[in-house]
N, C-alpha and C. Protein backbone atom coordinates (compact mmCIF):
# COMPACT_ATOMS: atom_id res chain seq x y z
N MET A 1 -11.06 -5.88 -39.13
CA MET A 1 -9.68 -5.93 -38.50
C MET A 1 -9.40 -4.66 -37.93
N LYS A 2 -10.04 -3.41 -38.50
CA LYS A 2 -9.38 -2.38 -37.93
C LYS A 2 -10.23 -1.87 -37.02
N LYS A 3 -11.64 -2.47 -37.03
CA LYS A 3 -12.65 -1.92 -35.69
C LYS A 3 -12.24 -3.04 -34.34
N LYS A 4 -11.91 -4.04 -34.59
CA LYS A 4 -11.24 -5.12 -33.71
C LYS A 4 -10.09 -4.04 -32.59
N VAL A 5 -8.97 -3.63 -33.68
CA VAL A 5 -8.10 -3.08 -33.41
C VAL A 5 -8.54 -1.83 -32.72
N ILE A 6 -9.57 -0.86 -32.94
CA ILE A 6 -9.80 0.25 -32.47
C ILE A 6 -10.72 -0.19 -30.86
N LEU A 7 -11.06 -1.39 -31.14
CA LEU A 7 -12.12 -1.76 -29.90
C LEU A 7 -11.05 -2.09 -28.72
N VAL A 8 -10.22 -2.79 -29.31
CA VAL A 8 -9.24 -3.21 -28.26
C VAL A 8 -8.19 -1.91 -27.50
N LEU A 9 -7.53 -0.57 -28.09
CA LEU A 9 -7.60 -0.08 -27.96
C LEU A 9 -7.83 0.91 -27.11
N THR A 10 -9.22 1.27 -27.19
CA THR A 10 -10.04 1.78 -26.96
C THR A 10 -10.55 1.13 -25.02
N PHE A 11 -10.53 -0.13 -25.09
CA PHE A 11 -10.04 -0.90 -24.07
C PHE A 11 -9.40 -1.03 -22.49
N VAL A 12 -8.16 -0.66 -23.63
CA VAL A 12 -7.21 -0.59 -22.85
C VAL A 12 -6.77 0.61 -22.42
N LEU A 13 -7.18 1.80 -23.34
CA LEU A 13 -6.87 3.38 -22.39
C LEU A 13 -8.13 3.52 -21.71
N LEU A 14 -9.47 2.58 -21.85
CA LEU A 14 -10.34 3.09 -20.93
C LEU A 14 -9.85 2.04 -19.08
N ILE A 15 -8.94 1.14 -19.70
CA ILE A 15 -8.58 0.41 -18.21
C ILE A 15 -7.39 1.21 -17.75
N ILE A 16 -6.58 2.07 -18.12
CA ILE A 16 -5.47 3.15 -18.32
C ILE A 16 -6.35 4.13 -17.19
N ALA A 17 -7.40 4.48 -17.87
CA ALA A 17 -7.98 6.05 -17.11
C ALA A 17 -8.20 5.09 -15.99
N VAL A 18 -9.05 4.49 -15.53
CA VAL A 18 -9.93 4.18 -14.37
C VAL A 18 -8.70 4.15 -13.93
N ILE A 19 -7.52 3.51 -13.90
CA ILE A 19 -6.38 2.82 -12.52
C ILE A 19 -6.15 3.93 -12.32
N ALA A 20 -5.86 4.99 -13.48
CA ALA A 20 -4.77 6.78 -13.36
C ALA A 20 -5.84 7.34 -12.42
N ILE A 21 -6.93 7.10 -12.72
CA ILE A 21 -7.77 8.26 -11.85
C ILE A 21 -8.36 7.81 -10.85
N ASN A 22 -8.55 6.56 -10.11
CA ASN A 22 -9.24 5.89 -9.33
C ASN A 22 -8.36 6.37 -7.86
N PRO A 23 -9.07 6.99 -6.96
CA PRO A 23 -8.34 7.62 -5.85
C PRO A 23 -7.31 6.16 -4.61
N TYR A 24 -8.16 4.97 -5.07
CA TYR A 24 -7.72 3.99 -4.50
C TYR A 24 -6.57 3.17 -5.44
N ASN A 25 -5.28 3.48 -5.14
CA ASN A 25 -4.52 3.00 -6.20
C ASN A 25 -4.34 1.63 -6.54
N LEU A 26 -4.55 1.19 -7.70
CA LEU A 26 -4.55 -0.68 -7.44
C LEU A 26 -3.10 -1.03 -7.75
N TYR A 27 -2.44 -0.18 -8.11
CA TYR A 27 -1.23 -0.68 -8.55
C TYR A 27 -0.69 -0.89 -6.96
N HIS A 28 -0.59 -0.09 -5.83
CA HIS A 28 -0.06 -0.15 -4.76
C HIS A 28 -0.89 -1.19 -3.76
N HIS A 29 -2.02 -1.50 -3.74
CA HIS A 29 -2.98 -2.95 -3.79
C HIS A 29 -2.34 -4.08 -4.32
N ILE A 30 -1.64 -3.91 -5.18
CA ILE A 30 -0.97 -5.47 -6.08
C ILE A 30 0.21 -5.25 -5.30
N LYS A 31 0.99 -4.33 -5.41
CA LYS A 31 2.26 -4.63 -5.09
C LYS A 31 2.41 -4.02 -3.50
N ALA A 32 1.50 -4.21 -2.51
CA ALA A 32 1.60 -3.56 -1.17
C ALA A 32 2.79 -4.57 -0.40
N GLU A 33 2.41 -5.74 -0.43
CA GLU A 33 3.55 -6.93 0.40
C GLU A 33 4.87 -6.42 0.02
N GLY A 34 5.23 -6.69 -1.63
CA GLY A 34 6.34 -6.16 -1.84
C GLY A 34 7.04 -5.18 -1.37
N THR A 35 6.46 -3.92 -1.45
CA THR A 35 6.88 -2.96 -1.24
C THR A 35 7.22 -2.50 0.18
N VAL A 36 6.41 -2.74 0.94
CA VAL A 36 6.69 -2.75 2.51
C VAL A 36 7.71 -3.78 3.07
N SER A 37 7.65 -4.74 2.46
CA SER A 37 8.35 -5.89 2.59
C SER A 37 10.11 -5.75 2.72
N SER A 38 10.04 -5.41 1.15
CA SER A 38 11.75 -4.87 0.80
C SER A 38 11.94 -3.74 1.47
N ILE A 39 11.11 -3.10 1.98
CA ILE A 39 11.96 -2.11 3.09
C ILE A 39 12.17 -2.03 4.67
N LEU A 40 11.24 -3.40 4.79
CA LEU A 40 11.18 -3.72 6.39
C LEU A 40 11.94 -4.96 6.20
N ALA A 41 12.74 -5.59 5.14
CA ALA A 41 13.42 -6.52 5.24
C ALA A 41 14.69 -7.16 6.39
N ASP A 42 14.99 -6.00 6.35
CA ASP A 42 16.41 -5.85 7.76
C ASP A 42 15.84 -6.27 8.86
N PRO A 43 16.21 -6.96 9.78
CA PRO A 43 15.57 -6.61 11.12
C PRO A 43 16.36 -5.52 12.04
N THR A 44 17.38 -5.04 11.67
CA THR A 44 17.85 -3.87 12.44
C THR A 44 16.69 -2.69 11.99
N VAL A 45 16.35 -2.49 10.76
CA VAL A 45 15.03 -1.70 9.98
C VAL A 45 13.53 -1.73 10.98
N ARG A 46 13.45 -3.45 11.08
CA ARG A 46 12.32 -3.27 11.82
C ARG A 46 12.10 -2.81 13.20
N ASN A 47 13.65 -3.06 13.89
CA ASN A 47 13.95 -2.98 15.14
C ASN A 47 13.50 -1.33 15.94
N ALA A 48 14.29 -0.59 14.73
CA ALA A 48 14.27 0.99 14.47
C ALA A 48 12.59 0.96 14.45
N ALA A 49 12.19 0.56 13.35
CA ALA A 49 10.44 1.16 13.26
C ALA A 49 9.45 0.79 14.11
N PHE A 50 9.78 -0.67 15.20
CA PHE A 50 8.34 -0.93 15.52
C PHE A 50 9.31 -1.28 16.60
N GLY A 51 10.18 -1.23 17.24
CA GLY A 51 10.57 -1.36 18.59
C GLY A 51 11.02 -2.60 19.06
N ASN A 52 10.64 -3.92 18.00
CA ASN A 52 11.20 -5.08 17.89
C ASN A 52 11.79 -5.31 17.03
N ASP A 53 12.35 -6.82 16.58
CA ASP A 53 12.23 -7.07 15.36
C ASP A 53 11.32 -8.69 14.82
N SER A 54 10.21 -8.07 15.24
CA SER A 54 9.33 -9.43 15.00
C SER A 54 8.65 -9.31 13.56
N GLU A 55 8.23 -10.59 13.25
CA GLU A 55 8.51 -10.99 11.77
C GLU A 55 6.37 -9.89 11.57
N ILE A 56 6.62 -9.94 10.25
CA ILE A 56 5.69 -9.15 9.47
C ILE A 56 4.37 -10.20 8.96
N SER A 57 3.32 -10.06 9.70
CA SER A 57 2.39 -11.38 9.42
C SER A 57 1.17 -11.04 8.27
N ASN A 58 0.77 -9.92 8.49
CA ASN A 58 0.21 -9.22 7.28
C ASN A 58 0.33 -7.59 6.49
N ILE A 59 0.22 -7.64 5.35
CA ILE A 59 0.23 -6.22 4.98
C ILE A 59 -0.94 -6.19 4.28
N LYS A 60 -1.27 -4.94 4.41
CA LYS A 60 -2.58 -4.08 3.50
C LYS A 60 -2.78 -2.73 3.38
N TYR A 61 -2.84 -2.54 2.22
CA TYR A 61 -3.13 -1.27 1.91
C TYR A 61 -4.48 -0.69 1.33
N LEU A 62 -4.09 0.44 2.56
CA LEU A 62 -5.22 1.22 2.86
C LEU A 62 -5.93 2.02 1.86
N GLY A 63 -4.97 2.90 1.31
CA GLY A 63 -5.25 4.04 0.23
C GLY A 63 -4.71 5.08 0.33
N SER A 64 -4.49 6.12 -0.49
CA SER A 64 -3.54 7.12 -0.12
C SER A 64 -2.10 6.99 0.21
N ASN A 65 -1.84 6.02 -0.13
CA ASN A 65 -0.37 5.40 0.18
C ASN A 65 0.18 5.46 1.73
N MET A 66 -0.80 4.58 2.41
CA MET A 66 -0.81 4.13 3.70
C MET A 66 -1.11 2.75 3.76
N TYR A 67 0.03 2.22 4.57
CA TYR A 67 -0.47 0.53 4.50
C TYR A 67 -0.38 0.15 6.14
N ARG A 68 -1.31 -1.00 6.20
CA ARG A 68 -1.29 -1.13 7.63
C ARG A 68 -0.65 -2.63 7.93
N VAL A 69 0.50 -2.76 8.69
CA VAL A 69 1.06 -3.67 9.14
C VAL A 69 1.17 -4.81 10.15
N GLU A 70 1.04 -5.65 10.18
CA GLU A 70 0.76 -6.39 11.66
C GLU A 70 1.87 -7.39 11.44
N THR A 71 2.07 -7.09 12.95
CA THR A 71 3.41 -8.26 13.35
C THR A 71 2.80 -8.96 14.18
N SER A 72 3.66 -9.87 14.91
CA SER A 72 3.24 -10.79 15.93
C SER A 72 2.78 -10.08 17.45
N SER A 73 3.28 -8.78 17.63
CA SER A 73 3.09 -8.05 18.65
C SER A 73 2.29 -6.79 18.42
N ASN A 74 1.97 -6.53 17.34
CA ASN A 74 1.46 -5.03 17.20
C ASN A 74 0.83 -5.02 15.98
N THR A 75 0.09 -3.93 15.55
CA THR A 75 -0.18 -3.43 14.61
C THR A 75 0.27 -2.06 14.02
N PHE A 76 0.69 -1.45 12.96
CA PHE A 76 1.33 -0.15 12.43
C PHE A 76 0.70 0.43 11.63
N VAL A 77 0.57 1.26 11.38
CA VAL A 77 0.17 2.20 10.05
C VAL A 77 1.29 2.89 9.42
N ILE A 78 1.90 2.75 7.91
CA ILE A 78 2.79 3.43 7.52
C ILE A 78 2.18 4.03 6.36
N GLU A 79 2.67 5.31 6.24
CA GLU A 79 2.39 6.47 5.34
C GLU A 79 3.82 6.60 4.37
N LEU A 80 3.60 6.19 3.28
CA LEU A 80 4.90 6.81 2.05
C LEU A 80 4.06 7.77 1.70
N LYS A 81 5.68 8.73 1.70
CA LYS A 81 5.62 9.75 0.86
C LYS A 81 7.22 10.02 0.29
N LYS A 82 6.92 10.18 -1.20
CA LYS A 82 7.58 10.55 -2.24
C LYS A 82 8.17 11.55 -2.28
N ASP A 83 9.56 11.92 -2.10
CA ASP A 83 9.93 13.42 -2.05
C ASP A 83 11.22 13.05 -3.39
N GLY A 84 11.10 13.29 -4.21
CA GLY A 84 11.84 13.78 -5.27
C GLY A 84 12.51 12.05 -5.67
N SER A 85 13.38 12.09 -5.80
CA SER A 85 14.07 10.68 -5.59
C SER A 85 14.13 9.61 -4.47
N HIS A 86 13.56 9.61 -3.48
CA HIS A 86 13.88 9.18 -2.12
C HIS A 86 12.19 9.13 -1.55
N TYR A 87 12.31 8.03 -0.91
CA TYR A 87 10.41 7.95 0.08
C TYR A 87 11.27 8.08 1.27
N ASN A 88 10.10 9.02 1.95
CA ASN A 88 10.01 9.09 3.56
C ASN A 88 8.90 8.14 4.13
N TYR A 89 9.02 7.97 5.05
CA TYR A 89 7.73 6.68 5.91
C TYR A 89 7.84 7.47 7.40
N GLU A 90 6.38 7.21 7.74
CA GLU A 90 5.98 8.13 8.94
C GLU A 90 5.22 6.78 9.24
N ILE A 91 5.41 6.14 10.50
CA ILE A 91 5.05 5.12 11.23
C ILE A 91 4.36 5.37 12.53
N TYR A 92 2.77 4.79 12.20
CA TYR A 92 2.28 5.11 13.56
C TYR A 92 1.87 3.85 14.21
N GLU A 93 1.85 3.89 15.25
CA GLU A 93 1.20 2.43 16.51
C GLU A 93 -0.33 2.53 16.18
N PHE A 94 -0.69 1.28 15.66
CA PHE A 94 -2.60 1.02 15.27
C PHE A 94 -2.90 0.90 16.68
N LYS A 95 -3.72 1.52 17.29
CA LYS A 95 -4.29 1.60 18.94
C LYS A 95 -5.58 0.78 19.20
N GLN A 96 -6.53 1.53 17.91
CA GLN A 96 -8.05 1.12 18.12
C GLN A 96 -8.75 1.25 16.39
N LYS A 97 -9.26 0.49 16.24
CA LYS A 97 -10.27 0.50 15.39
C LYS A 97 -11.83 1.22 15.26
N ILE A 98 -12.56 1.70 14.34
CA ILE A 98 -13.64 2.33 14.83
C ILE A 98 -14.40 1.88 13.68
N GLY A 99 -15.65 0.93 14.26
CA GLY A 99 -16.27 0.34 13.30
C GLY A 99 -17.50 1.85 12.57
N ALA A 100 -17.98 1.31 11.35
CA ALA A 100 -19.06 2.35 10.52
C ALA A 100 -20.31 2.06 11.46
N PHE A 101 -20.98 2.94 11.40
CA PHE A 101 -22.37 3.57 12.08
C PHE A 101 -23.16 2.55 10.86
N GLY A 102 -24.30 2.06 10.77
CA GLY A 102 -25.10 1.60 10.16
C GLY A 102 -26.44 1.93 10.64
N HIS A 103 -27.58 1.76 9.65
CA HIS A 103 -29.41 1.93 10.06
C HIS A 103 -29.70 1.26 10.53
């Protein structure tokens, strides 16, 4: 019985360590749509951020607190910066995707 408890605790601590150390933050990947959607839920905010109030069609977490947001008219990259108790957002218009080079 004691061995099982130690094994389960070790497994849980290992999972927590992997999630905390991993540069690709798994929590942000899972919560990406909710995080960005809650900020951009108001059409006035979307208009100020994107220049129009078009609906968001897709949100993808890119890593390092950056999100790709696709609307019906354009694609944007949003960088989330936490400063104390509030968040700052930098929004960039996505112009071009560069493919990876292969052998």
